């Protein structure tokens, strides 16, 4: 959760274990969770951002970088 200037106000790491088959190019995972967002007033919510992503350790980043496969950009139709 960031404030309007992009400063992190709150961060919580959630873990999830997933297994992929060798030939999978996508995987779906569902989990219910609840996150409390620390806002002083409800009216200020639209000025804040919720960021979501993966937090990888250095060995995971190295593996991903070494095994990246280029994906063509989608046709914009322009």
PDB file of N, CA and C in Angstrom:
ATOM      1  N   UNK A   1       0.848  -1.160   0.000  1.00  0.00           N
ATOM      2  CA  UNK A   1       0.000   0.000   0.000  1.00  0.00           C
ATOM      3  C   UNK A   1       0.901   1.233   0.000  1.00  0.00           C
ATOM      4  N   UNK A   2       0.695   2.102  -0.970  1.00  0.00           N
ATOM      5  CA  UNK A   2       1.488   3.327  -1.014  1.00  0.00           C
ATOM      6  C   UNK A   2       0.593   4.545  -0.841  1.00  0.00           C
ATOM      7  N   UNK A   3       1.202   5.611  -0.378  1.00  0.00           N
ATOM      8  CA  UNK A   3       0.469   6.864  -0.279  1.00  0.00           C
ATOM      9  C   UNK A   3       0.473   7.528  -1.664  1.00  0.00           C
ATOM     10  N   UNK A   4      -0.178   8.671  -1.817  1.00  0.00           N
ATOM     11  CA  UNK A   4      -0.234   9.317  -3.134  1.00  0.00           C
ATOM     12  C   UNK A   4       1.137   9.659  -3.734  1.00  0.00           C
ATOM     13  N   UNK A   5       2.169   9.776  -2.904  1.00  0.00           N
ATOM     14  CA  UNK A   5       3.513  10.076  -3.394  1.00  0.00           C
ATOM     15  C   UNK A   5       4.318   8.814  -3.723  1.00  0.00           C
ATOM     16  N   UNK A   6       3.727   7.628  -3.518  1.00  0.00           N
ATOM     17  CA  UNK A   6       4.415   6.374  -3.799  1.00  0.00           C
ATOM     18  C   UNK A   6       5.215   5.820  -2.635  1.00  0.00           C
ATOM     19  N   UNK A   7       5.099   6.433  -1.473  1.00  0.00           N
ATOM     20  CA  UNK A   7       5.816   5.961  -0.287  1.00  0.00           C
ATOM     21  C   UNK A   7       5.045   4.783   0.316  1.00  0.00           C
ATOM     22  N   UNK A   8       5.761   3.690   0.590  1.00  0.00           N
ATOM     23  CA  UNK A   8       5.116   2.493   1.133  1.00  0.00           C
ATOM     24  C   UNK A   8       4.627   2.771   2.548  1.00  0.00           C
ATOM     25  N   UNK A   9       3.330   2.555   2.761  1.00  0.00           N
ATOM     26  CA  UNK A   9       2.714   2.739   4.070  1.00  0.00           C
ATOM     27  C   UNK A   9       2.607   1.425   4.830  1.00  0.00           C
ATOM     28  N   UNK A  10       2.370   0.339   4.101  1.00  0.00           N
ATOM     29  CA  UNK A  10       2.209  -0.974   4.716  1.00  0.00           C
ATOM     30  C   UNK A  10       2.595  -2.035   3.710  1.00  0.00           C
ATOM     31  N   UNK A  11       3.187  -3.115   4.194  1.00  0.00           N
ATOM     32  CA  UNK A  11       3.565  -4.224   3.326  1.00  0.00           C
ATOM     33  C   UNK A  11       3.387  -5.505   4.104  1.00  0.00           C
ATOM     34  N   UNK A  12       2.808  -6.489   3.449  1.00  0.00           N
ATOM     35  CA  UNK A  12       2.665  -7.802   4.061  1.00  0.00           C
ATOM     36  C   UNK A  12       2.982  -8.841   2.999  1.00  0.00           C
ATOM     37  N   UNK A  13       3.787  -9.820   3.372  1.00  0.00           N
ATOM     38  CA  UNK A  13       4.171 -10.882   2.449  1.00  0.00           C
ATOM     39  C   UNK A  13       3.311 -12.104   2.744  1.00  0.00           C
ATOM     40  N   UNK A  14       2.695 -12.645   1.715  1.00  0.00           N
ATOM     41  CA  UNK A  14       1.904 -13.866   1.820  1.00  0.00           C
ATOM     42  C   UNK A  14       2.641 -14.947   1.049  1.00  0.00           C
ATOM     43  N   UNK A  15       2.646 -16.158   1.563  1.00  0.00           N
ATOM     44  CA  UNK A  15       3.323 -17.235   0.851  1.00  0.00           C
ATOM     45  C   UNK A  15       2.308 -18.171   0.207  1.00  0.00           C
ATOM     46  N   UNK A  16       2.736 -18.770  -0.880  1.00  0.00           N
ATOM     47  CA  UNK A  16       1.911 -19.752  -1.580  1.00  0.00           C
ATOM     48  C   UNK A  16       2.852 -20.744  -2.248  1.00  0.00           C
ATOM     49  N   UNK A  17       2.552 -22.018  -2.115  1.00  0.00           N
ATOM     50  CA  UNK A  17       3.349 -23.059  -2.769  1.00  0.00           C
ATOM     51  C   UNK A  17       2.591 -23.559  -3.983  1.00  0.00           C
ATOM     52  N   UNK A  18       3.267 -23.560  -5.119  1.00  0.00           N
ATOM     53  CA  UNK A  18       2.649 -24.030  -6.356  1.00  0.00           C
ATOM     54  C   UNK A  18       3.625 -24.956  -7.061  1.00  0.00           C
ATOM     55  N   UNK A  19       3.077 -25.964  -7.700  1.00  0.00           N
ATOM     56  CA  UNK A  19       3.881 -26.880  -8.501  1.00  0.00           C
ATOM     57  C   UNK A  19       3.445 -26.771  -9.945  1.00  0.00           C
ATOM     58  N   UNK A  20       4.407 -26.769 -10.829  1.00  0.00           N
ATOM     59  CA  UNK A  20       4.133 -26.672 -12.263  1.00  0.00           C
ATOM     60  C   UNK A  20       4.627 -27.938 -12.949  1.00  0.00           C
ATOM     61  N   UNK A  21       3.862 -28.387 -13.906  1.00  0.00           N
ATOM     62  CA  UNK A  21       4.314 -29.487 -14.752  1.00  0.00           C
ATOM     63  C   UNK A  21       5.261 -28.914 -15.805  1.00  0.00           C
ATOM     64  N   UNK A  22       6.145 -29.727 -16.319  1.00  0.00           N
ATOM     65  CA  UNK A  22       7.148 -29.272 -17.273  1.00  0.00           C
ATOM     66  C   UNK A  22       6.522 -28.597 -18.494  1.00  0.00           C
ATOM     67  N   UNK A  23       5.380 -29.081 -18.966  1.00  0.00           N
ATOM     68  CA  UNK A  23       4.780 -28.538 -20.189  1.00  0.00           C
ATOM     69  C   UNK A  23       3.737 -27.448 -19.932  1.00  0.00           C
ATOM     70  N   UNK A  24       3.562 -27.017 -18.697  1.00  0.00           N
ATOM     71  CA  UNK A  24       2.589 -25.963 -18.394  1.00  0.00           C
ATOM     72  C   UNK A  24       3.143 -24.598 -18.767  1.00  0.00           C
ATOM     73  N   UNK A  25       2.324 -23.783 -19.429  1.00  0.00           N
ATOM     74  CA  UNK A  25       2.739 -22.403 -19.679  1.00  0.00           C
ATOM     75  C   UNK A  25       1.859 -21.425 -18.915  1.00  0.00           C
ATOM     76  N   UNK A  26       0.912 -21.959 -18.153  1.00  0.00           N
ATOM     77  CA  UNK A  26       0.124 -21.125 -17.254  1.00  0.00           C
ATOM     78  C   UNK A  26      -0.375 -22.006 -16.110  1.00  0.00           C
ATOM     79  N   UNK A  27      -0.756 -21.356 -15.037  1.00  0.00           N
ATOM     80  CA  UNK A  27      -1.218 -22.078 -13.856  1.00  0.00           C
ATOM     81  C   UNK A  27      -2.177 -21.181 -13.097  1.00  0.00           C
ATOM     82  N   UNK A  28      -3.247 -21.729 -12.600  1.00  0.00           N
ATOM     83  CA  UNK A  28      -4.224 -20.952 -11.839  1.00  0.00           C
ATOM     84  C   UNK A  28      -4.182 -21.386 -10.385  1.00  0.00           C
ATOM     85  N   UNK A  29      -4.190 -20.409  -9.508  1.00  0.00           N
ATOM     86  CA  UNK A  29      -4.123 -20.673  -8.067  1.00  0.00           C
ATOM     87  C   UNK A  29      -5.077 -19.720  -7.368  1.00  0.00           C
ATOM     88  N   UNK A  30      -5.933 -20.246  -6.530  1.00  0.00           N
ATOM     89  CA  UNK A  30      -6.882 -19.418  -5.790  1.00  0.00           C
ATOM     90  C   UNK A  30      -6.621 -19.548  -4.298  1.00  0.00           C
ATOM     91  N   UNK A  31      -6.747 -18.435  -3.613  1.00  0.00           N
ATOM     92  CA  UNK A  31      -6.624 -18.425  -2.162  1.00  0.00           C
ATOM     93  C   UNK A  31      -7.401 -17.238  -1.627  1.00  0.00           C
ATOM     94  N   UNK A  32      -8.128 -17.443  -0.559  1.00  0.00           N
ATOM     95  CA  UNK A  32      -8.850 -16.339   0.076  1.00  0.00           C
ATOM     96  C   UNK A  32      -7.934 -15.684   1.103  1.00  0.00           C
ATOM     97  N   UNK A  33      -7.936 -14.372   1.124  1.00  0.00           N
ATOM     98  CA  UNK A  33      -7.146 -13.653   2.120  1.00  0.00           C
ATOM     99  C   UNK A  33      -7.824 -12.325   2.432  1.00  0.00           C
ATOM    100  N   UNK A  34      -7.406 -11.742   3.511  1.00  0.00           N
ATOM    101  CA  UNK A  34      -7.955 -10.458   3.927  1.00  0.00           C
ATOM    102  C   UNK A  34      -6.798  -9.539   4.272  1.00  0.00           C
ATOM    103  N   UNK A  35      -6.852  -8.334   3.739  1.00  0.00           N
ATOM    104  CA  UNK A  35      -5.808  -7.349   4.007  1.00  0.00           C
ATOM    105  C   UNK A  35      -6.472  -6.068   4.498  1.00  0.00           C
ATOM    106  N   UNK A  36      -6.055  -5.584   5.647  1.00  0.00           N
ATOM    107  CA  UNK A  36      -6.566  -4.317   6.159  1.00  0.00           C
ATOM    108  C   UNK A  36      -5.695  -3.190   5.609  1.00  0.00           C
ATOM    109  N   UNK A  37      -6.339  -2.176   5.084  1.00  0.00           N
ATOM    110  CA  UNK A  37      -5.637  -1.056   4.479  1.00  0.00           C
ATOM    111  C   UNK A  37      -5.723   0.152   5.413  1.00  0.00           C
ATOM    112  N   UNK A  38      -4.567   0.667   5.844  1.00  0.00           N
ATOM    113  CA  UNK A  38      -4.530   1.725   6.858  1.00  0.00           C
ATOM    114  C   UNK A  38      -4.800   3.128   6.298  1.00  0.00           C
ATOM    115  N   UNK A  39      -6.058   3.472   6.154  1.00  0.00           N
ATOM    116  CA  UNK A  39      -6.421   4.803   5.662  1.00  0.00           C
ATOM    117  C   UNK A  39      -7.059   5.611   6.785  1.00  0.00           C
ATOM    118  N   UNK A  40      -6.766   6.896   6.796  1.00  0.00           N
ATOM    119  CA  UNK A  40      -7.357   7.746   7.824  1.00  0.00           C
ATOM    120  C   UNK A  40      -8.824   8.074   7.511  1.00  0.00           C
ATOM    121  N   UNK A  41      -9.141   8.237   6.230  1.00  0.00           N
ATOM    122  CA  UNK A  41     -10.523   8.526   5.825  1.00  0.00           C
ATOM    123  C   UNK A  41     -10.842   7.777   4.538  1.00  0.00           C
ATOM    124  N   UNK A  42     -12.036   7.278   4.440  1.00  0.00           N
ATOM    125  CA  UNK A  42     -12.478   6.525   3.270  1.00  0.00           C
ATOM    126  C   UNK A  42     -12.340   7.347   1.985  1.00  0.00           C
ATOM    127  N   UNK A  43     -12.548   8.644   2.083  1.00  0.00           N
ATOM    128  CA  UNK A  43     -12.498   9.521   0.910  1.00  0.00           C
ATOM    129  C   UNK A  43     -11.098   9.564   0.287  1.00  0.00           C
ATOM    130  N   UNK A  44     -10.073   9.274   1.060  1.00  0.00           N
ATOM    131  CA  UNK A  44      -8.695   9.338   0.566  1.00  0.00           C
ATOM    132  C   UNK A  44      -8.258   8.077  -0.185  1.00  0.00           C
ATOM    133  N   UNK A  45      -9.087   7.038  -0.202  1.00  0.00           N
ATOM    134  CA  UNK A  45      -8.708   5.743  -0.775  1.00  0.00           C
ATOM    135  C   UNK A  45      -8.293   5.855  -2.238  1.00  0.00           C
ATOM    136  N   UNK A  46      -8.985   6.653  -3.035  1.00  0.00           N
ATOM    137  CA  UNK A  46      -8.681   6.718  -4.470  1.00  0.00           C
ATOM    138  C   UNK A  46      -7.319   7.330  -4.769  1.00  0.00           C
ATOM    139  N   UNK A  47      -6.701   7.968  -3.800  1.00  0.00           N
ATOM    140  CA  UNK A  47      -5.385   8.580  -4.003  1.00  0.00           C
ATOM    141  C   UNK A  47      -4.233   7.613  -3.705  1.00  0.00           C
ATOM    142  N   UNK A  48      -4.548   6.457  -3.139  1.00  0.00           N
ATOM    143  CA  UNK A  48      -3.530   5.477  -2.760  1.00  0.00           C
ATOM    144  C   UNK A  48      -3.467   4.354  -3.792  1.00  0.00           C
ATOM    145  N   UNK A  49      -2.383   3.554  -3.745  1.00  0.00           N
ATOM    146  CA  UNK A  49      -2.223   2.430  -4.653  1.00  0.00           C
ATOM    147  C   UNK A  49      -1.947   1.154  -3.871  1.00  0.00           C
ATOM    148  N   UNK A  50      -2.488   0.065  -4.375  1.00  0.00           N
ATOM    149  CA  UNK A  50      -2.181  -1.254  -3.842  1.00  0.00           C
ATOM    150  C   UNK A  50      -1.309  -1.944  -4.882  1.00  0.00           C
ATOM    151  N   UNK A  51      -0.113  -2.349  -4.489  1.00  0.00           N
ATOM    152  CA  UNK A  51       0.820  -3.014  -5.393  1.00  0.00           C
ATOM    153  C   UNK A  51       0.820  -4.508  -5.073  1.00  0.00           C
ATOM    154  N   UNK A  52       0.857  -5.311  -6.098  1.00  0.00           N
ATOM    155  CA  UNK A  52       0.839  -6.758  -5.935  1.00  0.00           C
ATOM    156  C   UNK A  52       1.911  -7.351  -6.827  1.00  0.00           C
ATOM    157  N   UNK A  53       2.673  -8.277  -6.314  1.00  0.00           N
ATOM    158  CA  UNK A  53       3.710  -8.881  -7.136  1.00  0.00           C
ATOM    159  C   UNK A  53       4.321 -10.081  -6.453  1.00  0.00           C
ATOM    160  N   UNK A  54       5.417 -10.540  -7.013  1.00  0.00           N
ATOM    161  CA  UNK A  54       6.142 -11.677  -6.467  1.00  0.00           C
ATOM    162  C   UNK A  54       7.428 -11.190  -5.832  1.00  0.00           C
ATOM    163  N   UNK A  55       7.726 -11.707  -4.672  1.00  0.00           N
ATOM    164  CA  UNK A  55       8.980 -11.373  -4.004  1.00  0.00           C
ATOM    165  C   UNK A  55       9.875 -12.599  -4.092  1.00  0.00           C
ATOM    166  N   UNK A  56      10.909 -12.517  -4.923  1.00  0.00           N
ATOM    167  CA  UNK A  56      11.789 -13.654  -5.168  1.00  0.00           C
ATOM    168  C   UNK A  56      13.139 -13.440  -4.511  1.00  0.00           C
ATOM    169  N   UNK A  57      13.769 -14.557  -4.125  1.00  0.00           N
ATOM    170  CA  UNK A  57      15.112 -14.441  -3.558  1.00  0.00           C
ATOM    171  C   UNK A  57      16.130 -14.403  -4.714  1.00  0.00           C
ATOM    172  N   UNK A  58      17.391 -14.067  -4.441  1.00  0.00           N
ATOM    173  CA  UNK A  58      18.380 -13.926  -5.513  1.00  0.00           C
ATOM    174  C   UNK A  58      18.518 -15.174  -6.402  1.00  0.00           C
ATOM    175  N   UNK A  59      18.430 -16.370  -5.834  1.00  0.00           N
ATOM    176  CA  UNK A  59      18.577 -17.579  -6.651  1.00  0.00           C
ATOM    177  C   UNK A  59      17.377 -17.767  -7.586  1.00  0.00           C
ATOM    178  N   UNK A  60      16.200 -17.389  -7.143  1.00  0.00           N
ATOM    179  CA  UNK A  60      15.008 -17.468  -8.002  1.00  0.00           C
ATOM    180  C   UNK A  60      15.093 -16.445  -9.142  1.00  0.00           C
ATOM    181  N   UNK A  61      15.551 -15.246  -8.833  1.00  0.00           N
ATOM    182  CA  UNK A  61      15.733 -14.227  -9.874  1.00  0.00           C
ATOM    183  C   UNK A  61      16.759 -14.682 -10.912  1.00  0.00           C
ATOM    184  N   UNK A  62      17.867 -15.256 -10.442  1.00  0.00           N
ATOM    185  CA  UNK A  62      18.911 -15.733 -11.346  1.00  0.00           C
ATOM    186  C   UNK A  62      18.345 -16.817 -12.266  1.00  0.00           C
ATOM    187  N   UNK A  63      17.619 -17.767 -11.701  1.00  0.00           N
ATOM    188  CA  UNK A  63      17.026 -18.839 -12.509  1.00  0.00           C
ATOM    189  C   UNK A  63      16.086 -18.253 -13.560  1.00  0.00           C
ATOM    190  N   UNK A  64      15.204 -17.350 -13.151  1.00  0.00           N
ATOM    191  CA  UNK A  64      14.253 -16.751 -14.092  1.00  0.00           C
ATOM    192  C   UNK A  64      14.967 -16.004 -15.211  1.00  0.00           C
ATOM    193  N   UNK A  65      16.000 -15.257 -14.874  1.00  0.00           N
ATOM    194  CA  UNK A  65      16.730 -14.499 -15.891  1.00  0.00           C
ATOM    195  C   UNK A  65      17.439 -15.425 -16.887  1.00  0.00           C
ATOM    196  N   UNK A  66      17.956 -16.540 -16.392  1.00  0.00           N
ATOM    197  CA  UNK A  66      18.661 -17.479 -17.259  1.00  0.00           C
ATOM    198  C   UNK A  66      17.703 -18.287 -18.138  1.00  0.00           C
ATOM    199  N   UNK A  67      16.453 -18.394 -17.743  1.00  0.00           N
ATOM    200  CA  UNK A  67      15.498 -19.239 -18.450  1.00  0.00           C
ATOM    201  C   UNK A  67      14.356 -18.466 -19.092  1.00  0.00           C
ATOM    202  N   UNK A  68      14.531 -17.152 -19.281  1.00  0.00           N
ATOM    203  CA  UNK A  68      13.488 -16.348 -19.910  1.00  0.00           C
ATOM    204  C   UNK A  68      13.303 -16.749 -21.362  1.00  0.00           C
ATOM    205  N   UNK A  69      12.067 -16.713 -21.790  1.00  0.00           N
ATOM    206  CA  UNK A  69      11.720 -16.982 -23.180  1.00  0.00           C
ATOM    207  C   UNK A  69      11.011 -15.741 -23.703  1.00  0.00           C
ATOM    208  N   UNK A  70      11.466 -15.236 -24.830  1.00  0.00           N
ATOM    209  CA  UNK A  70      10.849 -14.039 -25.404  1.00  0.00           C
ATOM    210  C   UNK A  70       9.418 -14.330 -25.830  1.00  0.00           C
ATOM    211  N   UNK A  71       8.535 -13.422 -25.520  1.00  0.00           N
ATOM    212  CA  UNK A  71       7.118 -13.532 -25.917  1.00  0.00           C
ATOM    213  C   UNK A  71       6.826 -12.363 -26.851  1.00  0.00           C
ATOM    214  N   UNK A  72       6.300 -12.649 -28.040  1.00  0.00           N
ATOM    215  CA  UNK A  72       6.004 -11.559 -28.965  1.00  0.00           C
ATOM    216  C   UNK A  72       4.967 -10.597 -28.373  1.00  0.00           C
ATOM    217  N   UNK A  73       5.144  -9.327 -28.658  1.00  0.00           N
ATOM    218  CA  UNK A  73       4.183  -8.321 -28.201  1.00  0.00           C
ATOM    219  C   UNK A  73       2.859  -8.525 -28.932  1.00  0.00           C
ATOM    220  N   UNK A  74       1.739  -8.317 -28.217  1.00  0.00           N
ATOM    221  CA  UNK A  74       0.447  -8.474 -28.882  1.00  0.00           C
ATOM    222  C   UNK A  74       0.282  -7.418 -29.978  1.00  0.00           C
ATOM    223  N   UNK A  75      -0.437  -7.781 -31.024  1.00  0.00           N
ATOM    224  CA  UNK A  75      -0.700  -6.848 -32.122  1.00  0.00           C
ATOM    225  C   UNK A  75      -1.640  -5.764 -31.632  1.00  0.00           C
ATOM    226  N   UNK A  76      -1.213  -4.528 -31.711  1.00  0.00           N
ATOM    227  CA  UNK A  76      -2.026  -3.424 -31.208  1.00  0.00           C
ATOM    228  C   UNK A  76      -3.208  -3.105 -32.115  1.00  0.00           C
ATOM    229  N   UNK A  77      -3.181  -3.590 -33.337  1.00  0.00           N
ATOM    230  CA  UNK A  77      -4.289  -3.350 -34.270  1.00  0.00           C
ATOM    231  C   UNK A  77      -4.282  -1.952 -34.862  1.00  0.00           C
ATOM    232  N   UNK A  78      -3.217  -1.206 -34.659  1.00  0.00           N
ATOM    233  CA  UNK A  78      -3.146   0.143 -35.203  1.00  0.00           C
ATOM    234  C   UNK A  78      -2.561   0.176 -36.583  1.00  0.00           C
TER     235      UNK A  78
END
